[in-house]
Amino acid sequence: MAETLLQELPAIPLTPQELVRPPLVLNQRPMDWLSDRIAGVAEGRTPKWWWAAFVPSFLIMVVCFSMVLYLMSTGVGVWGLMVPVAWAWDITNFVFWIGIGHAGTLISAILFLLRQRWRTSINRAAEAMTIFAVICAGLFPLIHIGRIWLGWWLLPLPNSNSIWPQFRNSIWPQFRSPLLWDVFAVSTYFTVSLLFWYMGLIPDLATMRDRAKTKFRQIFYGLGALGWSGSNRHWSNYEKAYLLLAGLSTPLVLSVHSIVSFDFAVSQLPGWHTTIFPPYFVAGAIFSGFGMVLTLMLPMRTLCHLEEIITVRHIELMGKVILATGSMVGYAYAMEFFIAWYGGNPYELYAFKNRAFGPYWWAYWTMVSCNVVSPQLFWFKAVRRNMVIVFILSIFVNIGMWFERFVIIVTSLHRDYMPSNWAYYSPTWVDIWQFIGTFGLFLTLFLLFMRFLPAIAIAEVKGVTPQADPHHPLGGAHGGKI
């Protein structure tokens, strides 16, 4: 009877070959293989390449904090700051690192809400990158104030010396200053990103706990797993909390770098006072963040033998995002010149001409070459699928976005309304080593994360495999191996 009914059903047309999407995990790997391959990176013996990367990174990080101690003991005069360039590498590096952190939240939160399943192989490392980048960024505002030990003055504090009775119990910072908005925006962004990252780790920490071969590792991962048992109640609460944090994180992607751009846009300085800065900064932050994700993911993919999980398709899609955001950034560059010309303000027009043809012309054209010209190569599929070229282009993106922040800050300041104040800013050796040292801090934290925690979300990757669908031929309902 059943066979007769099946014969009478109309044939289901097959999906055309050109519409078939490549799988997110290659070679139809079973779920136990996924657990072994991803968890094995943290469970196995420490590879030699890890030590070869960790030791130099740690030493460079020590140099960074040595420069901070030298700055604290000597003063900000050890930097190249001058009149009129009162902001230079410190704020340039702050905005650079804040931008690096945006790709992690976009991949984790926005792509999750849009049900983009390809995010599952890269979201964990991107979230970790966000946290470490914000740590590097938070270092610069503190040391920029000169007296680091007075940084707590940014917070409302009890005070009995106010001349106004109604304010006698508190010191209120200047809440109309975007510099103070940064404090709240970045701290909120860091807190929510940390919670979001940890929430996604809980099921995988339980997996690591159950696989642990030593008592110490079992306790270490067990404390982080918070008693996770994989029950229906646990999964239900987890999915609700994850969705809530994704919803909270999504507006932060747009708001945090918009507020960072207000540091410049709310001023009256030619070259800064422009309304295009908030969307322009957000697009640039996503652009630079995806560049750093590729810079980290491509070596990790090869060294940890994760080519079947972080596939060429993932690299292609990230290349397309870089192409889109790089084109937005290029459009913003063109609009800045157009508005400066169309607005009729000679000082504004001179500020942009000075960027392109003044003493810092080399920085401007490096920025344009790296941020506008090089991403256009991602139009070609052969380029998007060539891992060496993609890695080189990702480094160009990182270089170009640092130069963008340098151009915005330094070239807008070094020539003001009085030619007698004009000066040429050059960084000191403290500036240079302090910035290089933050890369050591960033890479040290990322390497520790790779070594002791699952760098890919095991539970989420399993959820996008065919075996997770009970109606798929490989699924559990059909006796497929799980």
Protein backbone atom coordinates (compact mmCIF):
# COMPACT_ATOMS: atom_id res chain seq x y z
CA MET A 1 0.00 0.00 0.00
CA ALA A 2 2.78 2.42 0.99
CA GLU A 3 4.72 1.63 -2.17
CA THR A 4 1.63 2.32 -4.31
CA LEU A 5 1.13 5.72 -2.65
CA LEU A 6 4.78 6.61 -3.17
CA GLN A 7 4.54 5.72 -6.85
CA GLU A 8 1.47 7.95 -7.25
CA LEU A 9 3.17 11.01 -5.70
CA PRO A 10 4.52 13.51 -8.25
CA ALA A 11 8.27 13.57 -8.65
CA ILE A 12 9.94 16.37 -6.70
CA PRO A 13 12.14 18.39 -9.06
CA LEU A 14 15.77 18.51 -8.08
CA THR A 15 17.40 21.87 -7.25
CA PRO A 16 19.32 23.20 -10.25
CA GLN A 17 23.03 22.72 -9.83
CA GLU A 18 23.76 26.47 -10.03
CA LEU A 19 21.44 27.09 -7.06
CA VAL A 20 22.94 24.42 -4.81
CA ARG A 21 24.90 26.04 -2.02
CA PRO A 22 28.14 24.41 -0.92
CA PRO A 23 27.92 22.83 2.52
CA LEU A 24 29.07 24.74 5.58
CA VAL A 25 31.04 21.68 6.74
CA LEU A 26 32.81 19.75 4.02
CA ASN A 27 32.90 15.98 3.42
CA GLN A 28 29.71 15.26 5.45
CA ARG A 29 31.67 14.84 8.64
CA PRO A 30 29.82 13.24 11.58
CA MET A 31 29.24 15.17 14.78
CA ASP A 32 31.75 13.22 16.84
CA TRP A 33 34.42 14.18 14.29
CA LEU A 34 33.49 17.86 14.74
CA SER A 35 33.87 17.59 18.51
CA ASP A 36 37.22 15.85 18.20
CA ARG A 37 38.63 18.26 15.63
CA ILE A 38 37.55 21.51 17.34
CA ALA A 39 38.11 20.47 20.94
CA GLY A 40 41.36 18.75 20.01
CA VAL A 41 42.99 22.13 19.35
CA ALA A 42 42.68 22.95 23.05
CA GLU A 43 43.10 19.39 24.36
CA GLY A 44 46.22 18.24 22.54
CA ARG A 45 49.84 19.05 23.23
CA THR A 46 50.92 22.62 22.66
CA PRO A 47 52.26 22.79 19.09
CA LYS A 48 55.59 24.38 18.30
CA TRP A 49 54.03 27.06 16.10
CA TRP A 50 52.00 28.25 19.11
CA TRP A 51 55.13 28.83 21.17
CA ALA A 52 56.82 30.49 18.18
CA ALA A 53 53.93 32.97 18.04
CA PHE A 54 53.28 33.34 21.77
CA VAL A 55 56.79 34.12 23.01
CA PRO A 56 57.40 37.11 20.65
CA SER A 57 53.85 38.37 21.27
CA PHE A 58 54.35 38.22 25.03
CA LEU A 59 57.68 40.04 24.83
CA ILE A 60 56.14 42.77 22.66
CA MET A 61 53.31 43.07 25.18
CA VAL A 62 55.89 43.58 27.94
CA VAL A 63 57.39 46.39 25.84
CA CYS A 64 53.94 48.00 25.67
CA PHE A 65 53.51 48.09 29.43
CA SER A 66 57.11 49.22 29.86
CA MET A 67 56.27 52.21 27.66
CA VAL A 68 53.17 52.88 29.80
CA LEU A 69 55.27 52.88 32.98
CA TYR A 70 57.80 55.18 31.32
CA LEU A 71 54.98 57.50 30.29
CA MET A 72 53.52 57.53 33.81
CA SER A 73 56.86 58.28 35.40
CA THR A 74 57.93 60.93 32.89
CA GLY A 75 54.80 62.52 31.41
CA VAL A 76 53.09 62.76 28.02
CA GLY A 77 55.99 64.86 26.78
CA VAL A 78 57.66 61.59 25.76
CA TRP A 79 55.08 61.46 22.96
CA GLY A 80 55.35 63.59 19.86
CA LEU A 81 52.37 65.77 20.81
CA MET A 82 52.78 69.47 20.08
CA VAL A 83 50.87 72.63 19.30
CA PRO A 84 48.61 72.35 17.32
CA VAL A 85 48.64 68.50 17.13
CA ALA A 86 47.32 67.76 20.62
CA TRP A 87 45.82 64.45 19.49
CA ALA A 88 48.03 62.13 17.51
CA TRP A 89 48.90 58.45 17.77
CA ASP A 90 47.07 57.94 21.05
CA ILE A 91 43.59 58.77 19.73
CA THR A 92 44.46 57.33 16.31
CA ASN A 93 45.22 53.99 17.94
CA PHE A 94 42.14 54.21 20.17
CA VAL A 95 39.78 54.65 17.20
CA PHE A 96 41.67 51.96 15.24
CA TRP A 97 41.26 49.31 17.94
CA ILE A 98 37.63 50.21 18.61
CA GLY A 99 36.93 49.71 14.91
CA ILE A 100 38.67 46.33 14.90
CA GLY A 101 36.18 45.09 17.49
CA HIS A 102 33.07 45.77 15.42
CA ALA A 103 33.21 42.74 13.13
CA GLY A 104 32.85 40.35 16.06
CA THR A 105 29.58 41.83 17.23
CA LEU A 106 28.26 42.14 13.69
CA ILE A 107 29.06 38.49 12.90
CA SER A 108 27.62 37.27 16.19
CA ALA A 109 24.59 39.49 16.69
CA ILE A 110 23.36 40.95 13.40
CA LEU A 111 24.07 37.88 11.28
CA PHE A 112 22.45 35.72 13.99
CA LEU A 113 19.28 37.82 13.89
CA LEU A 114 19.31 37.63 10.08
CA ARG A 115 19.66 33.81 10.31
CA GLN A 116 22.91 33.70 8.38
CA ARG A 117 24.07 30.17 9.17
CA TRP A 118 27.57 30.67 7.72
CA ARG A 119 28.53 32.77 10.76
CA THR A 120 28.78 29.68 12.99
CA SER A 121 32.35 28.76 12.02
CA ILE A 122 33.81 32.21 12.63
CA ASN A 123 31.67 33.89 15.30
CA ARG A 124 33.53 32.56 18.37
CA ALA A 125 36.95 33.80 17.30
CA ALA A 126 35.46 37.09 16.06
CA GLU A 127 33.77 37.65 19.44
CA ALA A 128 37.03 36.98 21.26
CA MET A 129 38.79 39.38 18.88
CA THR A 130 36.21 42.04 19.80
CA ILE A 131 36.92 41.74 23.51
CA PHE A 132 40.69 41.81 23.09
CA ALA A 133 40.54 44.76 20.69
CA VAL A 134 38.41 46.78 23.13
CA ILE A 135 40.95 46.02 25.88
CA CYS A 136 43.70 47.42 23.64
CA ALA A 137 41.55 50.45 22.79
CA GLY A 138 40.70 51.18 26.43
CA LEU A 139 44.38 51.53 27.25
CA PHE A 140 44.84 54.71 25.20
CA PRO A 141 42.24 57.08 26.72
CA LEU A 142 43.61 56.27 30.17
CA ILE A 143 47.22 57.01 29.30
CA HIS A 144 46.14 59.99 27.16
CA ILE A 145 44.91 61.90 30.21
CA GLY A 146 48.50 61.95 31.50
CA ARG A 147 47.68 61.17 35.13
CA ILE A 148 46.29 57.66 34.82
CA TRP A 149 45.55 57.45 38.53
CA LEU A 150 42.95 60.23 38.12
CA GLY A 151 40.92 58.37 35.52
CA TRP A 152 38.23 57.66 38.10
CA TRP A 153 37.32 61.36 38.01
CA LEU A 154 35.27 60.53 34.92
CA LEU A 155 32.70 58.91 37.21
CA PRO A 156 30.15 60.75 39.43
CA LEU A 157 31.79 60.88 42.86
CA PRO A 158 30.78 62.07 46.35
CA ASN A 159 32.06 65.58 47.05
CA SER A 160 31.42 68.02 49.86
CA ASN A 161 33.23 71.01 48.31
CA SER A 162 30.66 72.10 45.71
CA ILE A 163 29.50 75.72 45.98
CA TRP A 164 26.00 74.65 44.87
CA PRO A 165 23.98 72.94 47.63
CA GLN A 166 22.02 70.77 45.21
CA PHE A 167 25.28 69.37 43.76
CA ARG A 168 27.23 69.24 46.99
CA ASN A 169 27.20 65.45 47.20
CA SER A 170 28.56 64.68 43.74
CA ILE A 171 31.04 65.65 41.08
CA TRP A 172 29.24 65.57 37.75
CA PRO A 173 31.50 65.17 34.71
CA GLN A 174 30.65 67.18 31.60
CA PHE A 175 27.95 64.95 30.12
CA ARG A 176 27.70 67.20 27.05
CA SER A 177 31.19 66.11 26.02
CA PRO A 178 31.41 63.22 23.53
CA LEU A 179 34.63 62.19 25.28
CA LEU A 180 32.51 61.20 28.26
CA TRP A 181 29.98 59.52 25.98
CA ASP A 182 32.88 57.33 24.85
CA VAL A 183 33.41 56.12 28.40
CA PHE A 184 29.85 54.85 28.70
CA ALA A 185 29.54 53.61 25.12
CA VAL A 186 32.78 51.61 25.12
CA SER A 187 32.26 50.19 28.62
CA THR A 188 28.71 49.12 27.71
CA TYR A 189 29.94 47.62 24.45
CA PHE A 190 32.66 45.68 26.25
CA THR A 191 30.28 44.39 28.94
CA VAL A 192 27.60 43.20 26.51
CA SER A 193 30.19 41.68 24.14
CA LEU A 194 31.81 39.80 27.03
CA LEU A 195 28.44 38.44 28.19
CA PHE A 196 27.50 37.48 24.64
CA TRP A 197 30.81 35.67 24.12
CA TYR A 198 30.53 33.83 27.42
CA MET A 199 26.91 32.87 26.81
CA GLY A 200 27.86 31.15 23.56
CA LEU A 201 30.73 29.36 25.30
CA ILE A 202 28.61 27.62 27.95
CA PRO A 203 27.51 24.53 25.90
CA ASP A 204 31.05 24.08 24.57
CA LEU A 205 32.58 24.42 28.02
CA ALA A 206 30.30 21.57 29.10
CA THR A 207 31.58 19.53 26.16
CA MET A 208 35.17 20.27 27.20
CA ARG A 209 34.29 19.37 30.80
CA ASP A 210 32.88 16.00 29.78
CA ARG A 211 35.91 15.25 27.60
CA ALA A 212 38.48 16.39 30.18
CA LYS A 213 41.15 13.82 31.02
CA THR A 214 42.49 15.53 34.13
CA LYS A 215 40.76 16.66 37.30
CA PHE A 216 42.05 20.22 36.96
CA ARG A 217 40.65 20.63 33.44
CA GLN A 218 37.37 19.08 34.52
CA ILE A 219 37.02 21.61 37.38
CA PHE A 220 38.21 24.51 35.21
CA TYR A 221 35.73 23.86 32.42
CA GLY A 222 33.03 22.72 34.84
CA LEU A 223 33.05 26.05 36.68
CA GLY A 224 32.60 27.87 33.38
CA ALA A 225 29.84 25.52 32.21
CA LEU A 226 27.60 26.50 35.17
CA GLY A 227 26.17 23.01 35.53
CA TRP A 228 25.11 22.70 31.90
CA SER A 229 23.56 19.28 31.21
CA GLY A 230 22.09 19.81 27.75
CA SER A 231 18.52 19.36 28.95
CA ASN A 232 15.58 20.87 27.09
CA ARG A 233 15.16 23.45 29.86
CA HIS A 234 18.80 24.49 29.61
CA TRP A 235 18.63 24.84 25.83
CA SER A 236 15.39 26.83 26.04
CA ASN A 237 16.85 29.30 28.54
CA TYR A 238 20.11 29.49 26.58
CA GLU A 239 18.37 30.35 23.31
CA LYS A 240 16.26 33.04 24.98
CA ALA A 241 19.29 34.62 26.64
CA TYR A 242 21.36 34.41 23.45
CA LEU A 243 18.60 36.06 21.43
CA LEU A 244 18.21 38.80 24.04
CA LEU A 245 21.94 39.56 24.07
CA ALA A 246 21.99 39.55 20.27
CA GLY A 247 19.20 42.13 20.30
CA LEU A 248 21.12 44.27 22.81
CA SER A 249 24.36 43.98 20.85
CA THR A 250 22.89 44.96 17.48
CA PRO A 251 22.29 48.68 18.24
CA LEU A 252 25.72 48.81 19.90
CA VAL A 253 27.37 48.05 16.55
CA LEU A 254 25.82 51.24 15.20
CA SER A 255 25.97 53.39 18.30
CA VAL A 256 29.49 52.84 19.65
CA HIS A 257 31.46 53.96 16.63
CA SER A 258 28.90 56.68 15.92
CA ILE A 259 29.67 58.09 19.36
CA VAL A 260 33.39 57.72 18.71
CA SER A 261 32.89 59.76 15.54
CA PHE A 262 31.16 62.47 17.60
CA ASP A 263 34.55 63.14 19.21
CA PHE A 264 35.32 64.83 15.90
CA ALA A 265 31.97 65.64 14.27
CA VAL A 266 30.60 67.86 17.07
CA SER A 267 33.67 70.11 16.91
CA GLN A 268 33.95 73.19 14.70
CA LEU A 269 37.31 72.20 13.23
CA PRO A 270 37.49 72.08 9.40
CA GLY A 271 37.88 68.47 8.34
CA TRP A 272 36.05 67.18 11.42
CA HIS A 273 32.77 69.08 11.48
CA THR A 274 30.82 66.89 9.07
CA THR A 275 27.59 64.93 9.42
CA ILE A 276 28.83 62.00 7.32
CA PHE A 277 31.13 60.84 10.10
CA PRO A 278 28.74 58.50 12.02
CA PRO A 279 27.74 56.19 9.11
CA TYR A 280 31.21 56.58 7.59
CA PHE A 281 32.89 55.48 10.84
CA VAL A 282 30.51 52.53 11.28
CA ALA A 283 31.17 51.27 7.73
CA GLY A 284 34.90 51.74 8.25
CA ALA A 285 34.78 49.88 11.56
CA ILE A 286 33.06 46.87 9.99
CA PHE A 287 35.51 47.07 7.08
CA SER A 288 38.58 47.03 9.34
CA GLY A 289 37.05 44.43 11.66
CA PHE A 290 36.47 41.93 8.87
CA GLY A 291 39.98 42.60 7.65
CA MET A 292 41.36 41.61 11.04
CA VAL A 293 39.07 38.55 11.20
CA LEU A 294 40.57 37.31 7.93
CA THR A 295 44.10 38.13 9.12
CA LEU A 296 43.58 35.91 12.17
CA MET A 297 41.35 33.23 10.68
CA LEU A 298 43.43 32.27 7.67
CA PRO A 299 46.55 31.24 9.66
CA MET A 300 44.38 29.58 12.33
CA ARG A 301 42.49 27.67 9.64
CA THR A 302 45.72 26.22 8.24
CA LEU A 303 47.72 25.69 11.43
CA CYS A 304 44.84 24.01 13.30
CA HIS A 305 43.71 21.96 10.25
CA LEU A 306 40.20 23.45 10.21
CA GLU A 307 39.83 23.76 6.43
CA GLU A 308 36.72 21.55 6.45
CA ILE A 309 34.98 23.78 9.00
CA ILE A 310 36.21 27.25 7.99
CA THR A 311 35.65 26.67 4.29
CA VAL A 312 36.45 28.66 1.17
CA ARG A 313 32.81 29.75 1.17
CA HIS A 314 33.29 31.50 4.51
CA ILE A 315 36.31 33.35 3.16
CA GLU A 316 34.41 34.33 0.03
CA LEU A 317 31.49 35.76 1.98
CA MET A 318 33.78 37.78 4.23
CA GLY A 319 35.53 39.08 1.13
CA LYS A 320 32.17 40.26 -0.20
CA VAL A 321 31.47 42.11 3.06
CA ILE A 322 34.88 43.81 2.79
CA LEU A 323 34.10 44.75 -0.81
CA ALA A 324 30.75 46.30 0.17
CA THR A 325 32.04 48.25 3.19
CA GLY A 326 35.20 49.29 1.35
CA SER A 327 33.03 50.76 -1.40
CA MET A 328 31.02 52.64 1.25
CA VAL A 329 34.23 54.04 2.69
CA GLY A 330 35.37 55.12 -0.79
CA TYR A 331 32.02 56.83 -1.35
CA ALA A 332 32.47 58.68 1.96
CA TYR A 333 35.91 59.89 0.89
CA ALA A 334 34.44 61.30 -2.34
CA MET A 335 31.51 62.91 -0.54
CA GLU A 336 33.83 64.66 1.91
CA PHE A 337 35.55 66.43 -0.98
CA PHE A 338 32.25 67.17 -2.69
CA ILE A 339 30.65 68.69 0.43
CA ALA A 340 33.80 70.73 1.14
CA TRP A 341 33.58 72.17 -2.40
CA TYR A 342 29.78 72.53 -2.48
CA GLY A 343 29.58 74.10 0.98
CA GLY A 344 31.62 77.12 -0.09
CA ASN A 345 33.71 77.24 3.09
CA PRO A 346 37.29 78.00 1.97
CA TYR A 347 38.78 76.66 5.22
CA GLU A 348 36.92 73.35 4.86
CA LEU A 349 38.01 73.02 1.24
CA TYR A 350 41.62 73.80 2.14
CA ALA A 351 41.58 71.13 4.90
CA PHE A 352 40.73 68.43 2.36
CA LYS A 353 43.11 69.74 -0.29
CA ASN A 354 45.81 69.74 2.35
CA ARG A 355 45.06 66.09 3.14
CA ALA A 356 45.55 65.02 -0.45
CA PHE A 357 48.35 67.35 -1.55
CA GLY A 358 49.90 68.74 1.63
CA PRO A 359 52.86 67.47 3.67
CA TYR A 360 50.99 64.27 4.58
CA TRP A 361 50.02 63.39 1.02
CA TRP A 362 51.78 60.03 1.39
CA ALA A 363 49.47 59.04 4.27
CA TYR A 364 46.34 60.07 2.35
CA TRP A 365 47.18 58.15 -0.79
CA THR A 366 48.26 55.10 1.21
CA MET A 367 44.83 55.23 2.82
CA VAL A 368 43.03 55.49 -0.53
CA SER A 369 45.12 52.72 -2.11
CA CYS A 370 44.53 50.28 0.74
CA ASN A 371 40.89 51.10 1.54
CA VAL A 372 39.40 51.89 -1.86
CA VAL A 373 41.56 50.34 -4.58
CA SER A 374 42.71 47.03 -3.08
CA PRO A 375 39.22 45.79 -1.95
CA GLN A 376 37.97 46.11 -5.53
CA LEU A 377 39.95 42.95 -6.30
CA PHE A 378 37.27 41.05 -4.37
CA TRP A 379 34.97 41.49 -7.37
CA PHE A 380 36.84 38.55 -8.89
CA LYS A 381 35.95 35.08 -7.65
CA ALA A 382 39.45 33.80 -8.33
CA VAL A 383 40.81 36.40 -5.90
CA ARG A 384 38.22 35.59 -3.20
CA ARG A 385 39.14 31.91 -3.40
CA ASN A 386 42.92 32.43 -3.28
CA MET A 387 43.87 32.31 0.40
CA VAL A 388 47.28 33.95 -0.05
CA ILE A 389 45.86 36.94 -1.91
CA VAL A 390 43.00 37.29 0.58
CA PHE A 391 45.47 37.28 3.47
CA ILE A 392 47.60 39.99 1.81
CA LEU A 393 44.52 42.11 1.07
CA SER A 394 43.33 41.76 4.67
CA ILE A 395 46.65 43.18 5.86
CA PHE A 396 46.27 46.05 3.39
CA VAL A 397 42.84 46.75 4.89
CA ASN A 398 44.30 46.93 8.40
CA ILE A 399 47.09 49.25 7.26
CA GLY A 400 44.71 51.47 5.32
CA MET A 401 42.24 51.84 8.18
CA TRP A 402 45.00 52.86 10.59
CA PHE A 403 46.14 55.48 8.09
CA GLU A 404 42.55 56.67 7.75
CA ARG A 405 42.40 57.53 11.46
CA PHE A 406 45.85 59.12 11.26
CA VAL A 407 44.82 61.26 8.30
CA ILE A 408 41.58 62.40 9.94
CA ILE A 409 43.29 63.40 13.18
CA VAL A 410 46.76 64.66 12.31
CA THR A 411 46.16 66.34 8.95
CA SER A 412 43.14 68.20 10.35
CA LEU A 413 45.17 69.54 13.28
CA HIS A 414 48.65 70.27 11.99
CA ARG A 415 47.55 73.41 10.11
CA ASP A 416 45.06 75.65 11.92
CA TYR A 417 43.84 79.17 11.18
CA MET A 418 47.17 80.77 12.13
CA PRO A 419 50.10 79.83 9.86
CA SER A 420 52.48 80.68 12.69
CA ASN A 421 51.11 77.58 14.49
CA TRP A 422 51.65 75.21 11.59
CA ALA A 423 53.86 72.24 12.44
CA TYR A 424 54.78 68.80 11.14
CA TYR A 425 53.97 66.01 13.59
CA SER A 426 56.35 63.06 13.88
CA PRO A 427 55.95 60.21 16.36
CA THR A 428 58.63 59.44 18.92
CA TRP A 429 60.04 56.03 19.63
CA VAL A 430 57.69 55.79 22.63
CA ASP A 431 54.68 56.35 20.35
CA ILE A 432 55.83 53.68 17.94
CA TRP A 433 56.70 51.01 20.48
CA GLN A 434 53.57 51.61 22.49
CA PHE A 435 51.43 51.00 19.41
CA ILE A 436 53.44 47.93 18.38
CA GLY A 437 53.10 46.70 21.96
CA THR A 438 49.31 46.71 21.73
CA PHE A 439 49.57 44.17 18.91
CA GLY A 440 51.59 42.03 21.31
CA LEU A 441 48.84 42.36 23.92
CA PHE A 442 46.15 41.54 21.35
CA LEU A 443 47.95 38.49 19.93
CA THR A 444 48.92 37.20 23.39
CA LEU A 445 45.28 37.23 24.51
CA PHE A 446 44.11 35.66 21.24
CA LEU A 447 46.72 32.88 21.38
CA LEU A 448 45.76 32.06 24.98
CA PHE A 449 42.12 31.93 23.89
CA MET A 450 42.99 29.52 21.04
CA ARG A 451 45.02 27.30 23.34
CA PHE A 452 42.57 26.83 26.21
CA LEU A 453 39.08 27.41 24.79
CA PRO A 454 37.30 26.04 21.71
CA ALA A 455 37.98 28.64 19.00
CA ILE A 456 34.92 27.50 17.01
CA ALA A 457 31.41 27.13 18.42
CA ILE A 458 31.03 23.33 18.52
CA ALA A 459 27.30 23.30 19.28
CA GLU A 460 26.48 25.91 16.64
CA VAL A 461 28.51 24.23 13.89
CA LYS A 462 26.76 20.94 14.63
CA GLY A 463 23.44 22.72 14.26
CA VAL A 464 24.12 23.68 10.63
CA THR A 465 25.21 20.21 9.49
CA PRO A 466 22.81 17.93 7.55
CA GLN A 467 22.90 15.46 10.44
CA ALA A 468 21.14 18.00 12.65
CA ASP A 469 18.06 17.93 10.37
CA PRO A 470 15.95 14.87 11.18
CA HIS A 471 14.39 14.99 7.68
CA HIS A 472 17.74 14.92 5.89
CA PRO A 473 18.99 11.55 4.57
CA LEU A 474 21.95 11.85 6.95
CA GLY A 475 19.79 12.91 9.89
CA GLY A 476 19.01 10.90 12.98
CA ALA A 477 15.47 10.01 11.84
CA HIS A 478 16.97 8.12 8.88
CA GLY A 479 19.62 6.34 10.88
CA GLY A 480 22.44 8.66 9.90
CA LYS A 481 25.61 8.59 11.98
CA ILE A 482 25.67 11.41 14.54
